[in-house]
PDB file of N, CA and C in Angstrom:
ATOM      1  N   UNK A   1      93.258  88.658 115.277  1.00  0.00           N
ATOM      2  CA  UNK A   1      93.627  87.416 114.640  1.00  0.00           C
ATOM      3  C   UNK A   1      94.770  86.681 115.424  1.00  0.00           C
ATOM      4  N   UNK A   2      94.708  85.382 115.497  1.00  0.00           N
ATOM      5  CA  UNK A   2      95.686  84.639 116.255  1.00  0.00           C
ATOM      6  C   UNK A   2      97.143  84.810 115.501  1.00  0.00           C
ATOM      7  N   UNK A   3      98.099  84.669 116.347  1.00  0.00           N
ATOM      8  CA  UNK A   3      99.408  84.766 115.757  1.00  0.00           C
ATOM      9  C   UNK A   3      99.696  83.551 114.984  1.00  0.00           C
ATOM     10  N   UNK A   4      99.492  83.670 113.670  1.00  0.00           N
ATOM     11  CA  UNK A   4      99.700  82.611 112.707  1.00  0.00           C
ATOM     12  C   UNK A   4     101.167  82.610 112.314  1.00  0.00           C
ATOM     13  N   UNK A   5     101.560  81.481 111.842  1.00  0.00           N
ATOM     14  CA  UNK A   5     102.993  81.396 111.197  1.00  0.00           C
ATOM     15  C   UNK A   5     102.957  82.062 109.818  1.00  0.00           C
ATOM     16  N   UNK A   6     103.560  83.205 109.841  1.00  0.00           N
ATOM     17  CA  UNK A   6     103.619  84.013 108.566  1.00  0.00           C
ATOM     18  C   UNK A   6     104.766  83.603 107.736  1.00  0.00           C
ATOM     19  N   UNK A   7     104.543  83.337 106.461  1.00  0.00           N
ATOM     20  CA  UNK A   7     105.566  82.938 105.466  1.00  0.00           C
ATOM     21  C   UNK A   7     105.963  84.195 104.708  1.00  0.00           C
ATOM     22  N   UNK A   8     107.151  84.225 104.221  1.00  0.00           N
ATOM     23  CA  UNK A   8     107.627  85.303 103.367  1.00  0.00           C
ATOM     24  C   UNK A   8     107.427  85.033 101.883  1.00  0.00           C
ATOM     25  N   UNK A   9     106.960  86.026 101.185  1.00  0.00           N
ATOM     26  CA  UNK A   9     106.561  85.841  99.786  1.00  0.00           C
ATOM     27  C   UNK A   9     107.041  87.063  98.930  1.00  0.00           C
ATOM     28  N   UNK A  10     107.241  86.795  97.739  1.00  0.00           N
ATOM     29  CA  UNK A  10     107.432  87.974  96.859  1.00  0.00           C
ATOM     30  C   UNK A  10     106.521  87.857  95.636  1.00  0.00           C
ATOM     31  N   UNK A  11     105.856  88.950  95.385  1.00  0.00           N
ATOM     32  CA  UNK A  11     104.839  89.119  94.364  1.00  0.00           C
ATOM     33  C   UNK A  11     105.483  90.033  93.229  1.00  0.00           C
ATOM     34  N   UNK A  12     105.511  89.545  91.994  1.00  0.00           N
ATOM     35  CA  UNK A  12     105.779  90.329  90.919  1.00  0.00           C
ATOM     36  C   UNK A  12     104.567  90.414  90.012  1.00  0.00           C
ATOM     37  N   UNK A  13     104.265  91.730  89.720  1.00  0.00           N
ATOM     38  CA  UNK A  13     103.075  91.941  88.858  1.00  0.00           C
ATOM     39  C   UNK A  13     103.565  92.763  87.677  1.00  0.00           C
ATOM     40  N   UNK A  14     102.997  92.414  86.473  1.00  0.00           N
ATOM     41  CA  UNK A  14     103.142  93.275  85.281  1.00  0.00           C
ATOM     42  C   UNK A  14     101.735  93.869  84.935  1.00  0.00           C
ATOM     43  N   UNK A  15     101.644  95.114  85.138  1.00  0.00           N
ATOM     44  CA  UNK A  15     100.358  95.888  84.811  1.00  0.00           C
ATOM     45  C   UNK A  15     100.397  96.285  83.381  1.00  0.00           C
ATOM     46  N   UNK A  16      99.226  96.423  82.766  1.00  0.00           N
ATOM     47  CA  UNK A  16      99.287  97.022  81.398  1.00  0.00           C
ATOM     48  C   UNK A  16      99.904  98.389  81.262  1.00  0.00           C
ATOM     49  N   UNK A  17     100.602  98.584  80.230  1.00  0.00           N
ATOM     50  CA  UNK A  17     101.352  99.930  80.095  1.00  0.00           C
ATOM     51  C   UNK A  17     100.364 101.084  79.827  1.00  0.00           C
ATOM     52  N   UNK A  18      99.155 100.902  79.680  1.00  0.00           N
ATOM     53  CA  UNK A  18      98.250 102.021  79.364  1.00  0.00           C
ATOM     54  C   UNK A  18      97.705 102.720  80.646  1.00  0.00           C
ATOM     55  N   UNK A  19      98.127 102.205  81.744  1.00  0.00           N
ATOM     56  CA  UNK A  19      97.697 102.855  83.058  1.00  0.00           C
ATOM     57  C   UNK A  19      98.339 104.197  83.127  1.00  0.00           C
ATOM     58  N   UNK A  20      97.601 105.148  83.713  1.00  0.00           N
ATOM     59  CA  UNK A  20      98.139 106.471  84.049  1.00  0.00           C
ATOM     60  C   UNK A  20      98.905 106.300  85.391  1.00  0.00           C
ATOM     61  N   UNK A  21      99.749 107.225  85.724  1.00  0.00           N
ATOM     62  CA  UNK A  21     100.607 107.151  86.882  1.00  0.00           C
ATOM     63  C   UNK A  21      99.735 106.914  88.155  1.00  0.00           C
ATOM     64  N   UNK A  22      98.633 107.622  88.296  1.00  0.00           N
ATOM     65  CA  UNK A  22      97.842 107.576  89.566  1.00  0.00           C
ATOM     66  C   UNK A  22      97.080 106.222  89.507  1.00  0.00           C
ATOM     67  N   UNK A  23      96.686 105.744  88.380  1.00  0.00           N
ATOM     68  CA  UNK A  23      96.049 104.388  88.277  1.00  0.00           C
ATOM     69  C   UNK A  23      97.058 103.242  88.710  1.00  0.00           C
ATOM     70  N   UNK A  24      98.327 103.468  88.293  1.00  0.00           N
ATOM     71  CA  UNK A  24      99.408 102.516  88.578  1.00  0.00           C
ATOM     72  C   UNK A  24      99.608 102.443  90.040  1.00  0.00           C
ATOM     73  N   UNK A  25      99.658 103.719  90.626  1.00  0.00           N
ATOM     74  CA  UNK A  25      99.853 103.668  92.127  1.00  0.00           C
ATOM     75  C   UNK A  25      98.664 103.200  92.921  1.00  0.00           C
ATOM     76  N   UNK A  26      97.419 103.470  92.413  1.00  0.00           N
ATOM     77  CA  UNK A  26      96.188 103.054  93.009  1.00  0.00           C
ATOM     78  C   UNK A  26      96.168 101.422  92.979  1.00  0.00           C
ATOM     79  N   UNK A  27      96.586 100.885  91.916  1.00  0.00           N
ATOM     80  CA  UNK A  27      96.572  99.372  91.751  1.00  0.00           C
ATOM     81  C   UNK A  27      97.507  98.762  92.763  1.00  0.00           C
ATOM     82  N   UNK A  28      98.687  99.413  92.886  1.00  0.00           N
ATOM     83  CA  UNK A  28      99.746  98.941  93.847  1.00  0.00           C
ATOM     84  C   UNK A  28      99.158  98.985  95.248  1.00  0.00           C
ATOM     85  N   UNK A  29      98.522 100.058  95.624  1.00  0.00           N
ATOM     86  CA  UNK A  29      97.964 100.310  97.010  1.00  0.00           C
ATOM     87  C   UNK A  29      96.907  99.253  97.217  1.00  0.00           C
ATOM     88  N   UNK A  30      96.035  99.019  96.137  1.00  0.00           N
ATOM     89  CA  UNK A  30      94.901  98.016  96.301  1.00  0.00           C
ATOM     90  C   UNK A  30      95.402  96.739  96.725  1.00  0.00           C
ATOM     91  N   UNK A  31      96.444  96.107  96.090  1.00  0.00           N
ATOM     92  CA  UNK A  31      96.958  94.837  96.468  1.00  0.00           C
ATOM     93  C   UNK A  31      97.752  94.853  97.817  1.00  0.00           C
ATOM     94  N   UNK A  32      98.452  95.925  98.121  1.00  0.00           N
ATOM     95  CA  UNK A  32      99.125  95.947  99.388  1.00  0.00           C
ATOM     96  C   UNK A  32      98.175  96.045 100.461  1.00  0.00           C
ATOM     97  N   UNK A  33      97.122  96.845 100.306  1.00  0.00           N
ATOM     98  CA  UNK A  33      96.026  96.959 101.270  1.00  0.00           C
ATOM     99  C   UNK A  33      95.384  95.598 101.583  1.00  0.00           C
ATOM    100  N   UNK A  34      95.100  94.858 100.389  1.00  0.00           N
ATOM    101  CA  UNK A  34      94.481  93.610 100.482  1.00  0.00           C
ATOM    102  C   UNK A  34      95.273  92.613 101.388  1.00  0.00           C
ATOM    103  N   UNK A  35      96.577  92.604 101.236  1.00  0.00           N
ATOM    104  CA  UNK A  35      97.440  91.706 102.075  1.00  0.00           C
ATOM    105  C   UNK A  35      97.339  92.209 103.512  1.00  0.00           C
ATOM    106  N   UNK A  36      97.421  93.475 103.768  1.00  0.00           N
ATOM    107  CA  UNK A  36      97.336  93.942 105.147  1.00  0.00           C
ATOM    108  C   UNK A  36      95.929  93.623 105.780  1.00  0.00           C
ATOM    109  N   UNK A  37      94.876  93.887 104.987  1.00  0.00           N
ATOM    110  CA  UNK A  37      93.509  93.475 105.516  1.00  0.00           C
ATOM    111  C   UNK A  37      93.293  92.033 105.816  1.00  0.00           C
ATOM    112  N   UNK A  38      94.104  91.198 105.224  1.00  0.00           N
ATOM    113  CA  UNK A  38      94.015  89.745 105.487  1.00  0.00           C
ATOM    114  C   UNK A  38      95.175  89.258 106.391  1.00  0.00           C
ATOM    115  N   UNK A  39      95.652  90.135 107.251  1.00  0.00           N
ATOM    116  CA  UNK A  39      96.514  89.759 108.339  1.00  0.00           C
ATOM    117  C   UNK A  39      98.000  89.725 107.962  1.00  0.00           C
ATOM    118  N   UNK A  40      98.382  90.196 106.698  1.00  0.00           N
ATOM    119  CA  UNK A  40      99.742  90.157 106.270  1.00  0.00           C
ATOM    120  C   UNK A  40     100.457  91.412 106.597  1.00  0.00           C
ATOM    121  N   UNK A  41     101.745  91.381 106.379  1.00  0.00           N
ATOM    122  CA  UNK A  41     102.507  92.647 106.514  1.00  0.00           C
ATOM    123  C   UNK A  41     103.417  92.874 105.362  1.00  0.00           C
ATOM    124  N   UNK A  42     103.578  94.091 104.945  1.00  0.00           N
ATOM    125  CA  UNK A  42     104.345  94.435 103.791  1.00  0.00           C
ATOM    126  C   UNK A  42     105.791  94.678 104.341  1.00  0.00           C
ATOM    127  N   UNK A  43     106.792  93.981 103.624  1.00  0.00           N
ATOM    128  CA  UNK A  43     108.116  94.140 104.019  1.00  0.00           C
ATOM    129  C   UNK A  43     108.756  95.249 103.170  1.00  0.00           C
ATOM    130  N   UNK A  44     108.571  95.122 101.867  1.00  0.00           N
ATOM    131  CA  UNK A  44     109.143  96.080 100.922  1.00  0.00           C
ATOM    132  C   UNK A  44     108.429  96.115  99.627  1.00  0.00           C
ATOM    133  N   UNK A  45     108.240  97.206  98.989  1.00  0.00           N
ATOM    134  CA  UNK A  45     107.739  97.311  97.643  1.00  0.00           C
ATOM    135  C   UNK A  45     108.574  98.107  96.817  1.00  0.00           C
ATOM    136  N   UNK A  46     108.627  97.826  95.520  1.00  0.00           N
ATOM    137  CA  UNK A  46     109.506  98.514  94.584  1.00  0.00           C
ATOM    138  C   UNK A  46     108.747  98.673  93.257  1.00  0.00           C
ATOM    139  N   UNK A  47     108.422  99.777  92.817  1.00  0.00           N
ATOM    140  CA  UNK A  47     107.817  99.997  91.560  1.00  0.00           C
ATOM    141  C   UNK A  47     108.856 100.241  90.498  1.00  0.00           C
ATOM    142  N   UNK A  48     109.067  99.217  89.623  1.00  0.00           N
ATOM    143  CA  UNK A  48     110.134  99.322  88.607  1.00  0.00           C
ATOM    144  C   UNK A  48     109.733 100.243  87.488  1.00  0.00           C
ATOM    145  N   UNK A  49     108.461 100.434  87.244  1.00  0.00           N
ATOM    146  CA  UNK A  49     107.970 101.328  86.190  1.00  0.00           C
ATOM    147  C   UNK A  49     107.944 100.536  84.856  1.00  0.00           C
ATOM    148  N   UNK A  50     107.955 101.326  83.788  1.00  0.00           N
ATOM    149  CA  UNK A  50     107.800 100.728  82.517  1.00  0.00           C
ATOM    150  C   UNK A  50     109.132  99.959  82.058  1.00  0.00           C
ATOM    151  N   UNK A  51     108.961  98.723  81.675  1.00  0.00           N
ATOM    152  CA  UNK A  51     109.944  97.961  81.179  1.00  0.00           C
ATOM    153  C   UNK A  51     109.621  97.136  79.908  1.00  0.00           C
ATOM    154  N   UNK A  52     110.469  96.808  79.090  1.00  0.00           N
ATOM    155  CA  UNK A  52     110.189  95.921  77.941  1.00  0.00           C
ATOM    156  C   UNK A  52     109.974  94.514  78.330  1.00  0.00           C
ATOM    157  N   UNK A  53     109.034  93.925  77.606  1.00  0.00           N
ATOM    158  CA  UNK A  53     108.732  92.457  77.877  1.00  0.00           C
ATOM    159  C   UNK A  53     109.563  91.564  77.065  1.00  0.00           C
ATOM    160  N   UNK A  54     109.843  90.415  77.506  1.00  0.00           N
ATOM    161  CA  UNK A  54     110.698  89.463  76.736  1.00  0.00           C
ATOM    162  C   UNK A  54     109.885  88.998  75.556  1.00  0.00           C
ATOM    163  N   UNK A  55     108.549  89.002  75.557  1.00  0.00           N
ATOM    164  CA  UNK A  55     107.802  88.573  74.445  1.00  0.00           C
ATOM    165  C   UNK A  55     106.461  89.358  74.585  1.00  0.00           C
ATOM    166  N   UNK A  56     105.784  89.596  73.519  1.00  0.00           N
ATOM    167  CA  UNK A  56     104.553  90.359  73.555  1.00  0.00           C
ATOM    168  C   UNK A  56     103.482  89.657  74.375  1.00  0.00           C
ATOM    169  N   UNK A  57     102.609  90.426  75.079  1.00  0.00           N
ATOM    170  CA  UNK A  57     101.536  89.882  75.828  1.00  0.00           C
ATOM    171  C   UNK A  57     100.365  90.758  75.459  1.00  0.00           C
ATOM    172  N   UNK A  58      99.308  90.184  74.904  1.00  0.00           N
ATOM    173  CA  UNK A  58      98.211  90.870  74.426  1.00  0.00           C
ATOM    174  C   UNK A  58      98.559  91.947  73.452  1.00  0.00           C
ATOM    175  N   UNK A  59      99.538  91.683  72.572  1.00  0.00           N
ATOM    176  CA  UNK A  59     100.018  92.640  71.568  1.00  0.00           C
ATOM    177  C   UNK A  59     100.750  93.816  72.198  1.00  0.00           C
ATOM    178  N   UNK A  60     101.162  93.686  73.476  1.00  0.00           N
ATOM    179  CA  UNK A  60     101.849  94.850  74.085  1.00  0.00           C
ATOM    180  C   UNK A  60     103.284  94.367  74.346  1.00  0.00           C
ATOM    181  N   UNK A  61     104.271  95.317  74.117  1.00  0.00           N
ATOM    182  CA  UNK A  61     105.660  94.973  74.190  1.00  0.00           C
ATOM    183  C   UNK A  61     106.329  95.602  75.471  1.00  0.00           C
ATOM    184  N   UNK A  62     105.494  96.369  76.239  1.00  0.00           N
ATOM    185  CA  UNK A  62     106.042  96.876  77.506  1.00  0.00           C
ATOM    186  C   UNK A  62     105.011  96.690  78.613  1.00  0.00           C
ATOM    187  N   UNK A  63     105.454  96.722  79.870  1.00  0.00           N
ATOM    188  CA  UNK A  63     104.513  96.576  80.976  1.00  0.00           C
ATOM    189  C   UNK A  63     105.104  97.420  82.166  1.00  0.00           C
ATOM    190  N   UNK A  64     104.195  97.763  83.074  1.00  0.00           N
ATOM    191  CA  UNK A  64     104.540  98.353  84.344  1.00  0.00           C
ATOM    192  C   UNK A  64     104.817  97.324  85.365  1.00  0.00           C
ATOM    193  N   UNK A  65     106.067  97.243  85.762  1.00  0.00           N
ATOM    194  CA  UNK A  65     106.413  96.268  86.733  1.00  0.00           C
ATOM    195  C   UNK A  65     106.336  96.746  88.168  1.00  0.00           C
ATOM    196  N   UNK A  66     105.971  95.831  89.133  1.00  0.00           N
ATOM    197  CA  UNK A  66     105.853  96.135  90.554  1.00  0.00           C
ATOM    198  C   UNK A  66     106.248  94.817  91.279  1.00  0.00           C
ATOM    199  N   UNK A  67     107.197  95.039  92.180  1.00  0.00           N
ATOM    200  CA  UNK A  67     107.613  93.918  93.015  1.00  0.00           C
ATOM    201  C   UNK A  67     107.234  94.182  94.524  1.00  0.00           C
ATOM    202  N   UNK A  68     106.649  93.202  95.239  1.00  0.00           N
ATOM    203  CA  UNK A  68     106.189  93.456  96.566  1.00  0.00           C
ATOM    204  C   UNK A  68     106.712  92.266  97.361  1.00  0.00           C
ATOM    205  N   UNK A  69     107.354  92.542  98.504  1.00  0.00           N
ATOM    206  CA  UNK A  69     107.834  91.516  99.352  1.00  0.00           C
ATOM    207  C   UNK A  69     106.916  91.567 100.576  1.00  0.00           C
ATOM    208  N   UNK A  70     106.321  90.439 101.063  1.00  0.00           N
ATOM    209  CA  UNK A  70     105.382  90.551 102.159  1.00  0.00           C
ATOM    210  C   UNK A  70     105.485  89.266 102.959  1.00  0.00           C
ATOM    211  N   UNK A  71     104.871  89.348 104.106  1.00  0.00           N
ATOM    212  CA  UNK A  71     104.657  88.104 104.932  1.00  0.00           C
ATOM    213  C   UNK A  71     103.253  87.979 105.269  1.00  0.00           C
ATOM    214  N   UNK A  72     102.742  86.657 105.019  1.00  0.00           N
ATOM    215  CA  UNK A  72     101.339  86.454 105.164  1.00  0.00           C
ATOM    216  C   UNK A  72     101.109  84.884 105.527  1.00  0.00           C
ATOM    217  N   UNK A  73      99.865  84.640 106.050  1.00  0.00           N
ATOM    218  CA  UNK A  73      99.507  83.249 106.194  1.00  0.00           C
ATOM    219  C   UNK A  73      99.281  82.606 104.781  1.00  0.00           C
ATOM    220  N   UNK A  74      99.559  81.384 104.718  1.00  0.00           N
ATOM    221  CA  UNK A  74      99.415  80.641 103.360  1.00  0.00           C
ATOM    222  C   UNK A  74      98.107  80.786 102.665  1.00  0.00           C
ATOM    223  N   UNK A  75      96.977  80.917 103.361  1.00  0.00           N
ATOM    224  CA  UNK A  75      95.602  80.991 102.686  1.00  0.00           C
ATOM    225  C   UNK A  75      95.427  82.346 102.079  1.00  0.00           C
ATOM    226  N   UNK A  76      96.308  83.365 102.440  1.00  0.00           N
ATOM    227  CA  UNK A  76      96.074  84.736 101.871  1.00  0.00           C
ATOM    228  C   UNK A  76      96.340  84.732 100.352  1.00  0.00           C
ATOM    229  N   UNK A  77      97.347  83.855  99.959  1.00  0.00           N
ATOM    230  CA  UNK A  77      97.701  83.791  98.529  1.00  0.00           C
ATOM    231  C   UNK A  77      96.614  83.437  97.616  1.00  0.00           C
ATOM    232  N   UNK A  78      95.801  82.411  98.074  1.00  0.00           N
ATOM    233  CA  UNK A  78      94.692  81.950  97.200  1.00  0.00           C
ATOM    234  C   UNK A  78      93.724  83.102  96.979  1.00  0.00           C
ATOM    235  N   UNK A  79      93.416  83.929  97.995  1.00  0.00           N
ATOM    236  CA  UNK A  79      92.478  84.999  97.896  1.00  0.00           C
ATOM    237  C   UNK A  79      93.019  86.071  97.036  1.00  0.00           C
ATOM    238  N   UNK A  80      94.403  86.321  97.234  1.00  0.00           N
ATOM    239  CA  UNK A  80      95.049  87.329  96.388  1.00  0.00           C
ATOM    240  C   UNK A  80      95.073  86.951  94.937  1.00  0.00           C
ATOM    241  N   UNK A  81      95.246  85.677  94.714  1.00  0.00           N
ATOM    242  CA  UNK A  81      95.252  85.106  93.326  1.00  0.00           C
ATOM    243  C   UNK A  81      93.938  85.432  92.598  1.00  0.00           C
ATOM    244  N   UNK A  82      92.859  85.165  93.372  1.00  0.00           N
ATOM    245  CA  UNK A  82      91.563  85.480  92.802  1.00  0.00           C
ATOM    246  C   UNK A  82      91.309  86.885  92.454  1.00  0.00           C
ATOM    247  N   UNK A  83      91.804  87.796  93.393  1.00  0.00           N
ATOM    248  CA  UNK A  83      91.677  89.276  93.117  1.00  0.00           C
ATOM    249  C   UNK A  83      92.529  89.674  91.889  1.00  0.00           C
ATOM    250  N   UNK A  84      93.763  89.140  91.749  1.00  0.00           N
ATOM    251  CA  UNK A  84      94.583  89.470  90.725  1.00  0.00           C
ATOM    252  C   UNK A  84      93.985  88.964  89.292  1.00  0.00           C
ATOM    253  N   UNK A  85      93.426  87.802  89.321  1.00  0.00           N
ATOM    254  CA  UNK A  85      92.885  87.208  88.135  1.00  0.00           C
ATOM    255  C   UNK A  85      91.718  87.972  87.641  1.00  0.00           C
ATOM    256  N   UNK A  86      90.958  88.631  88.558  1.00  0.00           N
ATOM    257  CA  UNK A  86      89.766  89.547  88.224  1.00  0.00           C
ATOM    258  C   UNK A  86      90.173  90.752  87.715  1.00  0.00           C
ATOM    259  N   UNK A  87      91.379  91.284  87.940  1.00  0.00           N
ATOM    260  CA  UNK A  87      91.792  92.612  87.662  1.00  0.00           C
ATOM    261  C   UNK A  87      92.282  92.696  86.156  1.00  0.00           C
ATOM    262  N   UNK A  88      91.600  93.467  85.406  1.00  0.00           N
ATOM    263  CA  UNK A  88      92.000  93.530  83.986  1.00  0.00           C
ATOM    264  C   UNK A  88      93.221  94.290  83.728  1.00  0.00           C
ATOM    265  N   UNK A  89      93.688  95.096  84.718  1.00  0.00           N
ATOM    266  CA  UNK A  89      94.911  95.899  84.435  1.00  0.00           C
ATOM    267  C   UNK A  89      96.223  95.066  84.571  1.00  0.00           C
ATOM    268  N   UNK A  90      96.071  93.773  85.127  1.00  0.00           N
ATOM    269  CA  UNK A  90      97.191  92.905  85.378  1.00  0.00           C
ATOM    270  C   UNK A  90      97.344  92.005  84.145  1.00  0.00           C
ATOM    271  N   UNK A  91      98.580  92.072  83.525  1.00  0.00           N
ATOM    272  CA  UNK A  91      98.900  91.136  82.333  1.00  0.00           C
ATOM    273  C   UNK A  91      99.469  89.814  82.851  1.00  0.00           C
ATOM    274  N   UNK A  92     100.330  89.853  83.848  1.00  0.00           N
ATOM    275  CA  UNK A  92     100.907  88.673  84.461  1.00  0.00           C
ATOM    276  C   UNK A  92     101.229  88.944  85.870  1.00  0.00           C
ATOM    277  N   UNK A  93     101.204  87.790  86.661  1.00  0.00           N
ATOM    278  CA  UNK A  93     101.619  87.962  88.042  1.00  0.00           C
ATOM    279  C   UNK A  93     102.229  86.580  88.565  1.00  0.00           C
ATOM    280  N   UNK A  94     103.122  86.714  89.504  1.00  0.00           N
ATOM    281  CA  UNK A  94     103.757  85.509  90.041  1.00  0.00           C
ATOM    282  C   UNK A  94     104.053  85.654  91.531  1.00  0.00           C
ATOM    283  N   UNK A  95     103.628  84.757  92.311  1.00  0.00           N
ATOM    284  CA  UNK A  95     103.960  84.797  93.668  1.00  0.00           C
ATOM    285  C   UNK A  95     104.990  83.627  94.025  1.00  0.00           C
ATOM    286  N   UNK A  96     106.082  84.081  94.606  1.00  0.00           N
ATOM    287  CA  UNK A  96     107.187  83.128  95.020  1.00  0.00           C
ATOM    288  C   UNK A  96     107.314  83.062  96.528  1.00  0.00           C
ATOM    289  N   UNK A  97     107.331  81.918  97.056  1.00  0.00           N
ATOM    290  CA  UNK A  97     107.656  81.858  98.507  1.00  0.00           C
ATOM    291  C   UNK A  97     109.143  81.949  98.752  1.00  0.00           C
ATOM    292  N   UNK A  98     109.440  82.817  99.656  1.00  0.00           N
ATOM    293  CA  UNK A  98     110.966  82.997  99.906  1.00  0.00           C
ATOM    294  C   UNK A  98     111.262  82.243 101.212  1.00  0.00           C
ATOM    295  N   UNK A  99     112.345  81.448 101.091  1.00  0.00           N
ATOM    296  CA  UNK A  99     112.866  80.802 102.265  1.00  0.00           C
ATOM    297  C   UNK A  99     113.595  81.822 103.130  1.00  0.00           C
ATOM    298  N   UNK A 100     114.082  81.487 104.273  1.00  0.00           N
ATOM    299  CA  UNK A 100     114.709  82.397 105.174  1.00  0.00           C
ATOM    300  C   UNK A 100     116.037  82.993 104.543  1.00  0.00           C
ATOM    301  N   UNK A 101     116.681  82.208 103.665  1.00  0.00           N
ATOM    302  CA  UNK A 101     117.879  82.652 102.992  1.00  0.00           C
ATOM    303  C   UNK A 101     117.571  83.861 102.061  1.00  0.00           C
ATOM    304  N   UNK A 102     116.491  83.496 101.248  1.00  0.00           N
ATOM    305  CA  UNK A 102     116.153  84.536 100.209  1.00  0.00           C
ATOM    306  C   UNK A 102     115.651  85.889 100.908  1.00  0.00           C
ATOM    307  N   UNK A 103     114.888  85.653 101.900  1.00  0.00           N
ATOM    308  CA  UNK A 103     114.361  86.928 102.681  1.00  0.00           C
ATOM    309  C   UNK A 103     115.503  87.670 103.258  1.00  0.00           C
ATOM    310  N   UNK A 104     116.577  86.950 103.784  1.00  0.00           N
ATOM    311  CA  UNK A 104     117.702  87.581 104.352  1.00  0.00           C
ATOM    312  C   UNK A 104     118.529  88.294 103.258  1.00  0.00           C
ATOM    313  N   UNK A 105     118.686  87.592 102.076  1.00  0.00           N
ATOM    314  CA  UNK A 105     119.345  88.191 100.917  1.00  0.00           C
ATOM    315  C   UNK A 105     118.768  89.406 100.498  1.00  0.00           C
ATOM    316  N   UNK A 106     117.409  89.469 100.372  1.00  0.00           N
ATOM    317  CA  UNK A 106     116.764  90.684  99.875  1.00  0.00           C
ATOM    318  C   UNK A 106     116.978  91.821 100.876  1.00  0.00           C
ATOM    319  N   UNK A 107     116.840  91.517 102.264  1.00  0.00           N
ATOM    320  CA  UNK A 107     117.022  92.608 103.293  1.00  0.00           C
ATOM    321  C   UNK A 107     118.495  93.111 103.150  1.00  0.00           C
ATOM    322  N   UNK A 108     119.434  92.180 103.018  1.00  0.00           N
ATOM    323  CA  UNK A 108     120.869  92.632 102.916  1.00  0.00           C
ATOM    324  C   UNK A 108     121.027  93.541 101.578  1.00  0.00           C
ATOM    325  N   UNK A 109     120.447  93.123 100.565  1.00  0.00           N
ATOM    326  CA  UNK A 109     120.503  93.897  99.309  1.00  0.00           C
ATOM    327  C   UNK A 109     119.909  95.276  99.403  1.00  0.00           C
ATOM    328  N   UNK A 110     118.776  95.318 100.072  1.00  0.00           N
ATOM    329  CA  UNK A 110     118.129  96.625 100.347  1.00  0.00           C
ATOM    330  C   UNK A 110     118.942  97.592 101.152  1.00  0.00           C
ATOM    331  N   UNK A 111     119.646  96.920 102.269  1.00  0.00           N
ATOM    332  CA  UNK A 111     120.490  97.666 103.152  1.00  0.00           C
ATOM    333  C   UNK A 111     121.730  98.227 102.371  1.00  0.00           C
ATOM    334  N   UNK A 112     122.266  97.463 101.457  1.00  0.00           N
ATOM    335  CA  UNK A 112     123.433  97.820 100.659  1.00  0.00           C
ATOM    336  C   UNK A 112     122.970  99.065  99.815  1.00  0.00           C
ATOM    337  N   UNK A 113     121.790  98.979  99.228  1.00  0.00           N
ATOM    338  CA  UNK A 113     121.319  99.994  98.240  1.00  0.00           C
ATOM    339  C   UNK A 113     121.131 101.309  99.017  1.00  0.00           C
ATOM    340  N   UNK A 114     120.625 101.082 100.242  1.00  0.00           N
ATOM    341  CA  UNK A 114     120.324 102.257 101.144  1.00  0.00           C
ATOM    342  C   UNK A 114     121.620 102.942 101.508  1.00  0.00           C
ATOM    343  N   UNK A 115     122.664 102.171 101.839  1.00  0.00           N
ATOM    344  CA  UNK A 115     124.007 102.672 102.228  1.00  0.00           C
ATOM    345  C   UNK A 115     124.639 103.422 101.069  1.00  0.00           C
ATOM    346  N   UNK A 116     124.490 102.906  99.871  1.00  0.00           N
ATOM    347  CA  UNK A 116     125.147 103.538  98.687  1.00  0.00           C
ATOM    348  C   UNK A 116     124.334 104.790  98.366  1.00  0.00           C
ATOM    349  N   UNK A 117     123.135 104.827  98.636  1.00  0.00           N
ATOM    350  CA  UNK A 117     122.327 106.048  98.306  1.00  0.00           C
ATOM    351  C   UNK A 117     122.569 107.098  99.270  1.00  0.00           C
ATOM    352  N   UNK A 118     122.928 106.745 100.501  1.00  0.00           N
ATOM    353  CA  UNK A 118     123.255 107.727 101.545  1.00  0.00           C
ATOM    354  C   UNK A 118     124.662 108.242 101.526  1.00  0.00           C
ATOM    355  N   UNK A 119     125.477 107.531 100.835  1.00  0.00           N
ATOM    356  CA  UNK A 119     126.958 107.845 100.794  1.00  0.00           C
ATOM    357  C   UNK A 119     127.183 109.104  99.853  1.00  0.00           C
TER     358      UNK A 119
END
């Protein structure tokens, strides 16, 4: 693949809370692999686990949250969107484009967390 200009993005997904742990991990891997297969690169991923929702979605009050920071060409997001809309385990998803300041902030925040964990 030609060296395209990769943009930074953050994907937040809320999976249905009825997923078993292995299904939750498999769903995360599926979308991370999808981005890699389409020429993207994973910067960081964080499984937040079960959290309360601000309002019920499909009569559920909790969801399994997952945040993925990645770099990809702009056309990858449209393909990713189609895959997520087809997946019945996803209740909500949102892709946000990160500018260079937001990407730098996330990296700095991760480094601070790593330093405090090692201290």
